[in-house]
Amino acid sequence: MEVFMVAIGNISQNQCEEYINMNINLPDLDFAAAKQAAKEKALELCSHPMILSWKNRRTGQTYPDYECGIGDQPFWIRYAQGRGANLTIDINDGEYIFMVLKI
């Protein structure tokens, strides 16, 4: 699997959140392969990463896949933030996004 790192940066100055953009040049990249790549990248940064939520732009699926409350962000993002997500891995410009808790 050919993986290229595009950028790493802090989302917030008040928290140690990281946002990683990855570009994976595979024409048949599917969700399972993207999730594995995200896990491998997260393992480089901590010993016990936990994927809290995700979005698959190809299918429109998200996890969790329900709505709760009112907010200016989709629930899958609020869900992860509310549980302490401190790493977001964005694969292929939003094709797949994983929000992770680094433990």
N, C-alpha and C. Protein backbone atom coordinates (compact mmCIF):
# COMPACT_ATOMS: atom_id res chain seq x y z
N MET A 1 0.84 -1.16 0.00
CA MET A 1 0.00 0.00 0.00
C MET A 1 0.89 1.24 0.00
N GLU A 2 0.66 2.11 -0.94
CA GLU A 2 1.43 3.33 -1.04
C GLU A 2 0.69 4.45 -0.31
N VAL A 3 1.30 4.99 0.73
CA VAL A 3 0.67 6.02 1.55
C VAL A 3 1.56 7.24 1.57
N PHE A 4 0.95 8.40 1.37
CA PHE A 4 1.69 9.64 1.41
C PHE A 4 1.10 10.56 2.45
N MET A 5 1.93 11.12 3.30
CA MET A 5 1.49 12.07 4.30
C MET A 5 1.46 13.44 3.67
N VAL A 6 0.33 14.13 3.83
CA VAL A 6 0.21 15.45 3.25
C VAL A 6 0.48 16.53 4.27
N ALA A 7 -0.16 16.42 5.44
CA ALA A 7 0.02 17.48 6.44
C ALA A 7 -0.37 16.97 7.81
N ILE A 8 0.28 17.52 8.82
CA ILE A 8 -0.10 17.30 10.20
C ILE A 8 -0.18 18.67 10.84
N GLY A 9 -1.25 18.92 11.57
CA GLY A 9 -1.37 20.21 12.22
C GLY A 9 -2.29 20.15 13.41
N ASN A 10 -2.18 21.10 14.28
CA ASN A 10 -3.06 21.18 15.44
C ASN A 10 -4.38 21.82 15.05
N ILE A 11 -5.49 21.29 15.57
CA ILE A 11 -6.79 21.88 15.34
C ILE A 11 -7.02 23.02 16.32
N SER A 12 -6.63 22.81 17.54
CA SER A 12 -6.90 23.77 18.60
C SER A 12 -5.64 24.03 19.40
N GLN A 13 -5.43 25.27 19.75
CA GLN A 13 -4.29 25.62 20.58
C GLN A 13 -4.51 25.19 22.03
N ASN A 14 -5.78 25.05 22.44
CA ASN A 14 -6.10 24.71 23.83
C ASN A 14 -6.06 23.22 24.11
N GLN A 15 -6.09 22.40 23.08
CA GLN A 15 -6.11 20.96 23.26
C GLN A 15 -5.02 20.36 22.38
N CYS A 16 -4.67 19.11 22.64
CA CYS A 16 -3.63 18.47 21.85
C CYS A 16 -4.26 17.65 20.73
N GLU A 17 -5.22 18.24 20.02
CA GLU A 17 -5.86 17.57 18.90
C GLU A 17 -4.96 17.65 17.68
N GLU A 18 -4.96 16.58 16.92
CA GLU A 18 -4.18 16.54 15.69
C GLU A 18 -5.10 16.21 14.53
N TYR A 19 -4.77 16.75 13.38
CA TYR A 19 -5.49 16.46 12.15
C TYR A 19 -4.46 15.99 11.12
N ILE A 20 -4.65 14.79 10.63
CA ILE A 20 -3.71 14.21 9.68
C ILE A 20 -4.43 13.99 8.35
N ASN A 21 -3.86 14.53 7.29
CA ASN A 21 -4.34 14.27 5.94
C ASN A 21 -3.46 13.18 5.33
N MET A 22 -4.09 12.15 4.82
CA MET A 22 -3.36 11.08 4.14
C MET A 22 -3.89 10.96 2.71
N ASN A 23 -2.99 10.69 1.79
CA ASN A 23 -3.37 10.43 0.41
C ASN A 23 -2.94 9.01 0.09
N ILE A 24 -3.90 8.16 -0.21
CA ILE A 24 -3.62 6.76 -0.54
C ILE A 24 -3.97 6.55 -2.00
N ASN A 25 -2.97 6.30 -2.80
CA ASN A 25 -3.15 6.17 -4.25
C ASN A 25 -3.46 4.72 -4.63
N LEU A 26 -4.66 4.29 -4.31
CA LEU A 26 -5.13 2.96 -4.71
C LEU A 26 -6.50 3.13 -5.37
N PRO A 27 -6.65 2.76 -6.62
CA PRO A 27 -7.94 2.95 -7.29
C PRO A 27 -9.08 2.15 -6.65
N ASP A 28 -8.75 1.04 -6.03
CA ASP A 28 -9.79 0.20 -5.42
C ASP A 28 -9.82 0.33 -3.90
N LEU A 29 -9.38 1.47 -3.38
CA LEU A 29 -9.40 1.69 -1.93
C LEU A 29 -10.84 1.60 -1.42
N ASP A 30 -11.07 0.69 -0.50
CA ASP A 30 -12.39 0.56 0.10
C ASP A 30 -12.32 0.94 1.58
N PHE A 31 -13.49 0.89 2.24
CA PHE A 31 -13.56 1.30 3.63
C PHE A 31 -12.63 0.47 4.52
N ALA A 32 -12.61 -0.84 4.33
CA ALA A 32 -11.78 -1.70 5.18
C ALA A 32 -10.30 -1.33 5.06
N ALA A 33 -9.83 -1.09 3.85
CA ALA A 33 -8.42 -0.72 3.66
C ALA A 33 -8.13 0.66 4.24
N ALA A 34 -9.07 1.58 4.07
CA ALA A 34 -8.90 2.93 4.64
C ALA A 34 -8.86 2.87 6.16
N LYS A 35 -9.74 2.07 6.75
CA LYS A 35 -9.77 1.93 8.21
C LYS A 35 -8.46 1.32 8.72
N GLN A 36 -7.94 0.33 8.01
CA GLN A 36 -6.68 -0.29 8.42
C GLN A 36 -5.54 0.72 8.33
N ALA A 37 -5.52 1.52 7.27
CA ALA A 37 -4.48 2.55 7.14
C ALA A 37 -4.59 3.57 8.27
N ALA A 38 -5.81 3.94 8.64
CA ALA A 38 -6.00 4.89 9.73
C ALA A 38 -5.52 4.29 11.06
N LYS A 39 -5.83 3.01 11.28
CA LYS A 39 -5.36 2.34 12.50
C LYS A 39 -3.84 2.32 12.56
N GLU A 40 -3.21 1.98 11.45
CA GLU A 40 -1.74 1.92 11.41
C GLU A 40 -1.12 3.28 11.70
N LYS A 41 -1.70 4.33 11.11
CA LYS A 41 -1.19 5.69 11.36
C LYS A 41 -1.39 6.06 12.83
N ALA A 42 -2.55 5.75 13.39
CA ALA A 42 -2.82 6.07 14.79
C ALA A 42 -1.87 5.31 15.72
N LEU A 43 -1.54 4.07 15.36
CA LEU A 43 -0.61 3.29 16.18
C LEU A 43 0.80 3.87 16.17
N GLU A 44 1.14 4.64 15.15
CA GLU A 44 2.43 5.33 15.14
C GLU A 44 2.47 6.44 16.19
N LEU A 45 1.29 6.94 16.58
CA LEU A 45 1.21 8.08 17.48
C LEU A 45 0.87 7.72 18.92
N CYS A 46 0.32 6.53 19.13
CA CYS A 46 -0.02 6.10 20.49
C CYS A 46 -0.14 4.58 20.51
N SER A 47 -0.14 4.03 21.70
CA SER A 47 -0.14 2.56 21.80
C SER A 47 -1.53 1.93 21.75
N HIS A 48 -2.57 2.69 22.08
CA HIS A 48 -3.92 2.11 22.10
C HIS A 48 -4.95 3.06 21.50
N PRO A 49 -4.92 3.27 20.19
CA PRO A 49 -5.90 4.17 19.59
C PRO A 49 -7.29 3.52 19.54
N MET A 50 -8.31 4.34 19.69
CA MET A 50 -9.68 3.86 19.63
C MET A 50 -10.44 4.72 18.62
N ILE A 51 -10.91 4.12 17.54
CA ILE A 51 -11.72 4.85 16.57
C ILE A 51 -13.10 5.06 17.17
N LEU A 52 -13.47 6.32 17.36
CA LEU A 52 -14.74 6.65 17.99
C LEU A 52 -15.85 6.88 16.97
N SER A 53 -15.51 7.45 15.84
CA SER A 53 -16.51 7.69 14.80
C SER A 53 -15.83 7.78 13.45
N TRP A 54 -16.64 7.68 12.40
CA TRP A 54 -16.08 7.74 11.06
C TRP A 54 -17.15 8.16 10.06
N LYS A 55 -16.66 8.58 8.88
CA LYS A 55 -17.54 8.90 7.75
C LYS A 55 -16.96 8.30 6.49
N ASN A 56 -17.82 7.65 5.72
CA ASN A 56 -17.48 7.09 4.42
C ASN A 56 -18.21 7.96 3.38
N ARG A 57 -17.50 8.88 2.75
CA ARG A 57 -18.14 9.79 1.80
C ARG A 57 -18.65 9.06 0.56
N ARG A 58 -18.02 7.95 0.19
CA ARG A 58 -18.47 7.19 -0.99
C ARG A 58 -19.90 6.71 -0.84
N THR A 59 -20.24 6.25 0.37
CA THR A 59 -21.58 5.70 0.60
C THR A 59 -22.49 6.65 1.38
N GLY A 60 -21.90 7.66 2.00
CA GLY A 60 -22.67 8.56 2.85
C GLY A 60 -22.87 8.03 4.26
N GLN A 61 -22.33 6.84 4.54
CA GLN A 61 -22.48 6.23 5.86
C GLN A 61 -21.60 6.94 6.88
N THR A 62 -22.12 6.98 8.11
CA THR A 62 -21.35 7.47 9.24
C THR A 62 -21.57 6.53 10.42
N TYR A 63 -20.65 6.61 11.38
CA TYR A 63 -20.83 5.90 12.64
C TYR A 63 -20.52 6.89 13.75
N PRO A 64 -21.40 7.01 14.70
CA PRO A 64 -22.70 6.37 14.77
C PRO A 64 -23.64 6.93 13.71
N ASP A 65 -24.63 6.12 13.36
CA ASP A 65 -25.49 6.46 12.22
C ASP A 65 -26.87 6.97 12.65
N TYR A 66 -26.93 7.71 13.73
CA TYR A 66 -28.20 8.29 14.16
C TYR A 66 -27.96 9.73 14.55
N GLU A 67 -29.04 10.46 14.70
CA GLU A 67 -28.96 11.87 15.10
C GLU A 67 -29.47 11.99 16.52
N CYS A 68 -28.87 12.91 17.25
CA CYS A 68 -29.30 13.16 18.62
C CYS A 68 -28.97 14.61 18.94
N GLY A 69 -29.95 15.34 19.38
CA GLY A 69 -29.72 16.73 19.75
C GLY A 69 -29.61 17.64 18.54
N ILE A 70 -29.39 18.89 18.83
CA ILE A 70 -29.27 19.90 17.79
C ILE A 70 -27.88 20.49 17.88
N GLY A 71 -27.24 20.65 16.76
CA GLY A 71 -25.90 21.23 16.75
C GLY A 71 -25.54 21.70 15.36
N ASP A 72 -24.45 22.43 15.28
CA ASP A 72 -24.01 22.94 13.99
C ASP A 72 -23.09 21.97 13.27
N GLN A 73 -22.81 20.83 13.89
CA GLN A 73 -21.97 19.80 13.27
C GLN A 73 -22.75 18.49 13.23
N PRO A 74 -22.42 17.61 12.28
CA PRO A 74 -23.08 16.30 12.25
C PRO A 74 -22.84 15.54 13.56
N PHE A 75 -23.79 14.68 13.89
CA PHE A 75 -23.73 13.97 15.17
C PHE A 75 -22.48 13.11 15.30
N TRP A 76 -22.02 12.49 14.21
CA TRP A 76 -20.84 11.61 14.31
C TRP A 76 -19.62 12.40 14.77
N ILE A 77 -19.55 13.68 14.43
CA ILE A 77 -18.44 14.53 14.90
C ILE A 77 -18.66 14.90 16.36
N ARG A 78 -19.87 15.33 16.71
CA ARG A 78 -20.16 15.69 18.11
C ARG A 78 -19.98 14.50 19.03
N TYR A 79 -20.36 13.31 18.57
CA TYR A 79 -20.22 12.08 19.34
C TYR A 79 -18.75 11.85 19.72
N ALA A 80 -17.87 11.93 18.71
CA ALA A 80 -16.44 11.69 18.96
C ALA A 80 -15.84 12.79 19.84
N GLN A 81 -16.18 14.03 19.56
CA GLN A 81 -15.65 15.13 20.36
C GLN A 81 -16.08 15.01 21.81
N GLY A 82 -17.33 14.61 22.03
CA GLY A 82 -17.85 14.45 23.38
C GLY A 82 -17.18 13.32 24.15
N ARG A 83 -16.52 12.44 23.44
CA ARG A 83 -15.83 11.31 24.07
C ARG A 83 -14.31 11.48 24.04
N GLY A 84 -13.87 12.69 23.72
CA GLY A 84 -12.46 13.01 23.84
C GLY A 84 -11.60 12.78 22.62
N ALA A 85 -12.19 12.65 21.45
CA ALA A 85 -11.38 12.44 20.24
C ALA A 85 -10.30 13.51 20.15
N ASN A 86 -9.07 13.07 19.96
CA ASN A 86 -7.95 14.02 19.88
C ASN A 86 -7.09 13.78 18.64
N LEU A 87 -7.61 12.99 17.71
CA LEU A 87 -6.91 12.73 16.44
C LEU A 87 -7.96 12.50 15.36
N THR A 88 -7.85 13.25 14.29
CA THR A 88 -8.71 13.04 13.12
C THR A 88 -7.81 12.66 11.95
N ILE A 89 -8.15 11.55 11.31
CA ILE A 89 -7.40 11.09 10.15
C ILE A 89 -8.31 11.19 8.94
N ASP A 90 -7.92 12.04 8.01
CA ASP A 90 -8.68 12.34 6.80
C ASP A 90 -7.95 11.68 5.64
N ILE A 91 -8.60 10.73 4.99
CA ILE A 91 -7.99 9.99 3.89
C ILE A 91 -8.59 10.46 2.57
N ASN A 92 -7.71 10.85 1.66
CA ASN A 92 -8.08 11.28 0.31
C ASN A 92 -9.10 12.42 0.32
N ASP A 93 -8.75 13.48 1.02
CA ASP A 93 -9.56 14.70 1.04
C ASP A 93 -11.01 14.46 1.41
N GLY A 94 -11.21 13.72 2.48
CA GLY A 94 -12.55 13.51 3.00
C GLY A 94 -13.28 12.30 2.48
N GLU A 95 -12.62 11.50 1.65
CA GLU A 95 -13.26 10.27 1.16
C GLU A 95 -13.60 9.36 2.35
N TYR A 96 -12.66 9.27 3.29
CA TYR A 96 -12.88 8.55 4.54
C TYR A 96 -12.30 9.42 5.66
N ILE A 97 -13.05 9.58 6.74
CA ILE A 97 -12.59 10.35 7.89
C ILE A 97 -12.80 9.51 9.14
N PHE A 98 -11.75 9.44 9.98
CA PHE A 98 -11.81 8.68 11.21
C PHE A 98 -11.44 9.60 12.37
N MET A 99 -12.26 9.61 13.41
CA MET A 99 -11.97 10.39 14.61
C MET A 99 -11.57 9.41 15.71
N VAL A 100 -10.41 9.67 16.29
CA VAL A 100 -9.73 8.69 17.15
C VAL A 100 -9.44 9.29 18.52
N LEU A 101 -9.51 8.44 19.52
CA LEU A 101 -9.05 8.79 20.87
C LEU A 101 -7.68 8.12 21.05
N LYS A 102 -6.65 8.94 21.23
CA LYS A 102 -5.31 8.41 21.49
C LYS A 102 -5.22 8.11 22.98
N ILE A 103 -4.93 6.87 23.31
CA ILE A 103 -4.83 6.48 24.72
C ILE A 103 -3.39 6.08 24.99
